C-alpha atoms as a PDB file:
ATOM      1  CA  MET A   1     -29.470  -4.418  20.601  1.00  0.00           C
ATOM      2  CA  ALA A   2     -26.728  -3.622  18.064  1.00  0.00           C
ATOM      3  CA  PRO A   3     -23.482  -2.101  19.333  1.00  0.00           C
ATOM      4  CA  THR A   4     -23.061   1.631  18.936  1.00  0.00           C
ATOM      5  CA  TYR A   5     -20.034   2.820  17.000  1.00  0.00           C
ATOM      6  CA  LEU A   6     -18.759   6.324  17.607  1.00  0.00           C
ATOM      7  CA  SER A   7     -16.359   8.290  15.480  1.00  0.00           C
ATOM      8  CA  PRO A   8     -13.237   9.732  17.162  1.00  0.00           C
ATOM      9  CA  ARG A   9     -14.871  13.186  16.984  1.00  0.00           C
ATOM     10  CA  GLN A  10     -17.976  11.890  18.809  1.00  0.00           C
ATOM     11  CA  ILE A  11     -15.842  10.245  21.498  1.00  0.00           C
ATOM     12  CA  ARG A  12     -13.903  13.475  22.079  1.00  0.00           C
ATOM     13  CA  ALA A  13     -17.110  15.541  22.149  1.00  0.00           C
ATOM     14  CA  ASN A  14     -18.554  13.237  24.805  1.00  0.00           C
ATOM     15  CA  GLY A  15     -15.457  13.529  26.998  1.00  0.00           C
ATOM     16  CA  GLY A  16     -14.537   9.917  26.322  1.00  0.00           C
ATOM     17  CA  GLU A  17     -11.146   8.376  25.947  1.00  0.00           C
ATOM     18  CA  LYS A  18      -8.489  10.694  24.542  1.00  0.00           C
ATOM     19  CA  LEU A  19      -7.495   9.669  21.041  1.00  0.00           C
ATOM     20  CA  PRO A  20      -4.264  10.730  19.356  1.00  0.00           C
ATOM     21  CA  GLN A  21      -4.549  13.662  16.982  1.00  0.00           C
ATOM     22  CA  ARG A  22      -4.435  12.799  13.299  1.00  0.00           C
ATOM     23  CA  ARG A  23      -1.110  13.151  11.575  1.00  0.00           C
ATOM     24  CA  ASN A  24      -2.887  14.698   8.607  1.00  0.00           C
ATOM     25  CA  PRO A  25      -5.628  17.242   9.137  1.00  0.00           C
ATOM     26  CA  PRO A  26      -8.951  16.277   7.552  1.00  0.00           C
ATOM     27  CA  GLY A  27      -8.667  17.068   3.855  1.00  0.00           C
ATOM     28  CA  GLY A  28      -4.928  17.602   4.251  1.00  0.00           C
ATOM     29  CA  GLU A  29      -2.324  16.136   1.976  1.00  0.00           C
ATOM     30  CA  PHE A  30       0.019  13.351   3.060  1.00  0.00           C
ATOM     31  CA  ASN A  31       3.584  14.649   3.036  1.00  0.00           C
ATOM     32  CA  PRO A  32       6.191  11.881   3.390  1.00  0.00           C
ATOM     33  CA  GLU A  33       8.743  14.434   4.583  1.00  0.00           C
ATOM     34  CA  THR A  34       6.739  15.228   7.716  1.00  0.00           C
ATOM     35  CA  ASN A  35       4.197  12.421   8.058  1.00  0.00           C
ATOM     36  CA  THR A  36       6.085   9.176   8.450  1.00  0.00           C
ATOM     37  CA  PHE A  37       5.461   6.108  10.560  1.00  0.00           C
ATOM     38  CA  MET A  38       9.136   5.718  11.522  1.00  0.00           C
ATOM     39  CA  ILE A  39      12.003   8.013  12.409  1.00  0.00           C
ATOM     40  CA  TRP A  40      15.461   6.847  11.345  1.00  0.00           C
ATOM     41  CA  ARG A  41      18.834   7.922  12.690  1.00  0.00           C
ATOM     42  CA  ASN A  42      20.212   8.082   9.173  1.00  0.00           C
ATOM     43  CA  ARG A  43      18.796   9.177   5.847  1.00  0.00           C
ATOM     44  CA  LEU A  44      17.581   6.014   4.087  1.00  0.00           C
ATOM     45  CA  THR A  45      17.141   5.837   0.329  1.00  0.00           C
ATOM     46  CA  ALA A  46      15.546   3.228  -1.915  1.00  0.00           C
ATOM     47  CA  LEU A  47      15.060   2.446  -5.576  1.00  0.00           C
ATOM     48  CA  VAL A  48      12.002   0.478  -6.732  1.00  0.00           C
ATOM     49  CA  VAL A  49      12.470  -1.349 -10.053  1.00  0.00           C
ATOM     50  CA  ASP A  50       9.187  -2.714 -11.381  1.00  0.00           C
ATOM     51  CA  SER A  51       7.671  -2.726 -14.871  1.00  0.00           C
ATOM     52  CA  GLU A  52       4.131  -2.447 -13.442  1.00  0.00           C
ATOM     53  CA  SER A  53       3.306   1.195 -12.690  1.00  0.00           C
ATOM     54  CA  PHE A  54       0.704   0.327 -10.040  1.00  0.00           C
ATOM     55  CA  CYS A  55       3.164  -1.900  -8.146  1.00  0.00           C
ATOM     56  CA  ARG A  56       5.845   0.806  -8.362  1.00  0.00           C
ATOM     57  CA  MET A  57       3.426   3.349  -6.936  1.00  0.00           C
ATOM     58  CA  LEU A  58       2.397   1.057  -4.063  1.00  0.00           C
ATOM     59  CA  GLU A  59       5.952   0.084  -3.144  1.00  0.00           C
ATOM     60  CA  LYS A  60       7.184   3.685  -3.388  1.00  0.00           C
ATOM     61  CA  SER A  61       4.264   4.914  -1.242  1.00  0.00           C
ATOM     62  CA  PHE A  62       4.875   2.195   1.334  1.00  0.00           C
ATOM     63  CA  LEU A  63       8.586   2.975   1.674  1.00  0.00           C
ATOM     64  CA  SER A  64       7.963   6.747   1.680  1.00  0.00           C
ATOM     65  CA  ALA A  65       5.387   6.326   4.450  1.00  0.00           C
ATOM     66  CA  TYR A  66       8.118   4.670   6.501  1.00  0.00           C
ATOM     67  CA  GLY A  67      10.458   7.618   6.037  1.00  0.00           C
ATOM     68  CA  VAL A  68      12.552   6.260   3.169  1.00  0.00           C
ATOM     69  CA  GLU A  69      13.392   8.625   0.301  1.00  0.00           C
ATOM     70  CA  THR A  70      12.332   6.551  -2.688  1.00  0.00           C
ATOM     71  CA  GLU A  71      12.780   6.730  -6.449  1.00  0.00           C
ATOM     72  CA  ASP A  72      11.264   4.349  -8.961  1.00  0.00           C
ATOM     73  CA  VAL A  73      12.090   3.141 -12.468  1.00  0.00           C
ATOM     74  CA  GLU A  74      10.355   0.736 -14.826  1.00  0.00           C
ATOM     75  CA  SER A  75      13.268  -1.378 -16.061  1.00  0.00           C
ATOM     76  CA  GLY A  76      16.641  -2.821 -15.211  1.00  0.00           C
ATOM     77  CA  SER A  77      18.298  -0.667 -17.877  1.00  0.00           C
ATOM     78  CA  ALA A  78      16.785   2.483 -16.319  1.00  0.00           C
ATOM     79  CA  ALA A  79      18.179   1.378 -12.942  1.00  0.00           C
ATOM     80  CA  PHE A  80      21.652   0.939 -14.500  1.00  0.00           C
ATOM     81  CA  GLU A  81      21.506   4.407 -16.062  1.00  0.00           C
ATOM     82  CA  LEU A  82      20.508   5.974 -12.755  1.00  0.00           C
ATOM     83  CA  ILE A  83      23.297   4.228 -10.836  1.00  0.00           C
ATOM     84  CA  GLN A  84      25.906   4.853 -13.539  1.00  0.00           C
ATOM     85  CA  GLY A  85      24.920   8.519 -13.277  1.00  0.00           C
ATOM     86  CA  GLY A  86      26.084   8.502  -9.651  1.00  0.00           C
ATOM     87  CA  ALA A  87      22.891   7.742  -7.734  1.00  0.00           C
ATOM     88  CA  THR A  88      23.324   5.560  -4.661  1.00  0.00           C
ATOM     89  CA  PHE A  89      20.684   3.756  -2.634  1.00  0.00           C
ATOM     90  CA  ASP A  90      20.589   1.871   0.652  1.00  0.00           C
ATOM     91  CA  LEU A  91      17.886  -0.470  -0.645  1.00  0.00           C
ATOM     92  CA  ILE A  92      16.931  -1.648  -4.131  1.00  0.00           C
ATOM     93  CA  VAL A  93      13.629  -3.515  -4.547  1.00  0.00           C
ATOM     94  CA  ILE A  94      13.434  -5.454  -7.821  1.00  0.00           C
ATOM     95  CA  ASN A  95      10.574  -7.385  -9.392  1.00  0.00           C
ATOM     96  CA  PRO A  96      12.146 -10.542 -10.884  1.00  0.00           C
ATOM     97  CA  HIS A  97       9.608 -10.394 -13.758  1.00  0.00           C
ATOM     98  CA  LEU A  98      10.790  -7.190 -15.426  1.00  0.00           C
ATOM     99  CA  CYS A  99      10.229  -6.523 -19.115  1.00  0.00           C
ATOM    100  CA  GLY A 100      13.489  -6.601 -21.070  1.00  0.00           C
ATOM    101  CA  ILE A 101      16.324  -7.510 -18.713  1.00  0.00           C
ATOM    102  CA  SER A 102      14.893  -9.788 -15.997  1.00  0.00           C
ATOM    103  CA  GLY A 103      15.048  -8.823 -12.347  1.00  0.00           C
ATOM    104  CA  ILE A 104      17.418 -11.724 -11.690  1.00  0.00           C
ATOM    105  CA  GLU A 105      19.805 -10.500 -14.391  1.00  0.00           C
ATOM    106  CA  THR A 106      19.398  -6.931 -13.107  1.00  0.00           C
ATOM    107  CA  ALA A 107      20.515  -8.029  -9.634  1.00  0.00           C
ATOM    108  CA  ARG A 108      23.504  -9.891 -11.134  1.00  0.00           C
ATOM    109  CA  LEU A 109      24.562  -6.897 -13.249  1.00  0.00           C
ATOM    110  CA  LEU A 110      24.193  -4.469 -10.325  1.00  0.00           C
ATOM    111  CA  ARG A 111      26.466  -6.667  -8.197  1.00  0.00           C
ATOM    112  CA  ASN A 112      28.963  -6.890 -11.071  1.00  0.00           C
ATOM    113  CA  MET A 113      28.939  -3.061 -11.191  1.00  0.00           C
ATOM    114  CA  GLY A 114      30.009  -3.094  -7.531  1.00  0.00           C
ATOM    115  CA  VAL A 115      26.682  -1.941  -6.073  1.00  0.00           C
ATOM    116  CA  GLN A 116      26.690  -2.581  -2.313  1.00  0.00           C
ATOM    117  CA  SER A 117      23.011  -1.762  -1.693  1.00  0.00           C
ATOM    118  CA  ARG A 118      20.698  -4.260  -0.019  1.00  0.00           C
ATOM    119  CA  ILE A 119      18.849  -5.892  -2.935  1.00  0.00           C
ATOM    120  CA  VAL A 120      15.393  -7.364  -2.321  1.00  0.00           C
ATOM    121  CA  GLY A 121      13.402  -9.357  -4.860  1.00  0.00           C
ATOM    122  CA  SER A 122       9.660  -8.775  -4.657  1.00  0.00           C
ATOM    123  CA  SER A 123       7.392 -11.095  -6.642  1.00  0.00           C
ATOM    124  CA  ALA A 124       3.668 -11.789  -6.761  1.00  0.00           C
ATOM    125  CA  MET A 125       4.446 -15.392  -7.694  1.00  0.00           C
ATOM    126  CA  TYR A 126       6.663 -16.997  -5.080  1.00  0.00           C
ATOM    127  CA  VAL A 127       8.557 -19.902  -6.608  1.00  0.00           C
ATOM    128  CA  GLU A 128      11.413 -21.497  -4.667  1.00  0.00           C
ATOM    129  CA  GLU A 129      13.538 -22.014  -7.792  1.00  0.00           C
ATOM    130  CA  GLU A 130      13.170 -18.333  -8.706  1.00  0.00           C
ATOM    131  CA  ARG A 131      14.062 -17.340  -5.147  1.00  0.00           C
ATOM    132  CA  SER A 132      17.229 -19.441  -5.324  1.00  0.00           C
ATOM    133  CA  CYS A 133      18.196 -17.912  -8.687  1.00  0.00           C
ATOM    134  CA  PHE A 134      17.612 -14.365  -7.385  1.00  0.00           C
ATOM    135  CA  LEU A 135      19.667 -14.932  -4.246  1.00  0.00           C
ATOM    136  CA  GLY A 136      22.368 -16.659  -6.322  1.00  0.00           C
ATOM    137  CA  ALA A 137      22.517 -13.607  -8.596  1.00  0.00           C
ATOM    138  CA  GLY A 138      23.397 -11.374  -5.654  1.00  0.00           C
ATOM    139  CA  GLY A 139      20.045 -10.592  -4.065  1.00  0.00           C
ATOM    140  CA  ASP A 140      19.948 -10.364  -0.284  1.00  0.00           C
ATOM    141  CA  HIS A 141      16.269 -11.155   0.317  1.00  0.00           C
ATOM    142  CA  TYR A 142      13.298 -12.425  -1.651  1.00  0.00           C
ATOM    143  CA  VAL A 143       9.736 -11.624  -0.536  1.00  0.00           C
ATOM    144  CA  GLU A 144       6.251 -12.243  -1.835  1.00  0.00           C
ATOM    145  CA  LYS A 145       3.951  -9.345  -2.719  1.00  0.00           C
ATOM    146  CA  PRO A 146       2.181  -7.723  -1.139  1.00  0.00           C
ATOM    147  CA  PHE A 147       4.904  -6.967   1.322  1.00  0.00           C
ATOM    148  CA  GLY A 148       4.224  -5.191   4.554  1.00  0.00           C
ATOM    149  CA  PRO A 149       5.895  -3.743   7.617  1.00  0.00           C
ATOM    150  CA  HIS A 150       6.664  -7.163   9.124  1.00  0.00           C
ATOM    151  CA  LEU A 151       9.005  -7.852   6.175  1.00  0.00           C
ATOM    152  CA  PHE A 152      10.585  -4.459   5.579  1.00  0.00           C
ATOM    153  CA  ILE A 153      10.950  -2.851   9.006  1.00  0.00           C
ATOM    154  CA  PRO A 154      13.667  -5.337  10.085  1.00  0.00           C
ATOM    155  CA  ILE A 155      15.563  -4.662   6.837  1.00  0.00           C
ATOM    156  CA  LEU A 156      15.241  -0.895   7.294  1.00  0.00           C
ATOM    157  CA  GLN A 157      16.387  -1.185  10.919  1.00  0.00           C
ATOM    158  CA  GLN A 158      19.483  -3.104   9.802  1.00  0.00           C
ATOM    159  CA  LEU A 159      20.210  -0.453   7.187  1.00  0.00           C
ATOM    160  CA  ASP A 160      19.839   2.228   9.864  1.00  0.00           C
ATOM    161  CA  ASN A 161      22.220   0.333  12.194  1.00  0.00           C
ATOM    162  CA  GLN A 162      19.592  -0.141  14.903  1.00  0.00           C
END
């Protein structure tokens, strides 16, 4: 006999185990301001620099879901303009394979500008030589995509002084 799978609604209707209420009502919109997986003591901000729009969207959504106010740009030069305009970030996530100015050069130039943010390289192609170059250019961490909570939560906790 095949196992029977019940939806949370069926379990509740049958008086079964109490399940936590959904954070988002059925059909409701996800709001990163109110529906986050983590609560931070401090306001955390991030900038995602990636020339691939899909990757930018995923990384921004991931960080927003964890309570980080996130902006995204498609190039190193756009990141420079934003920061020269006075924007500051706790975390900057850079794809080393940017179009135009590379992510490695972007990290180097940001450090030369005096940026003190935590800079993380995020690449789909993990190559040790590239990792060494990125860290040598001023990056703090280098991770392979797709990244997940096990990689970023410790970084966010450090930024939040936990």
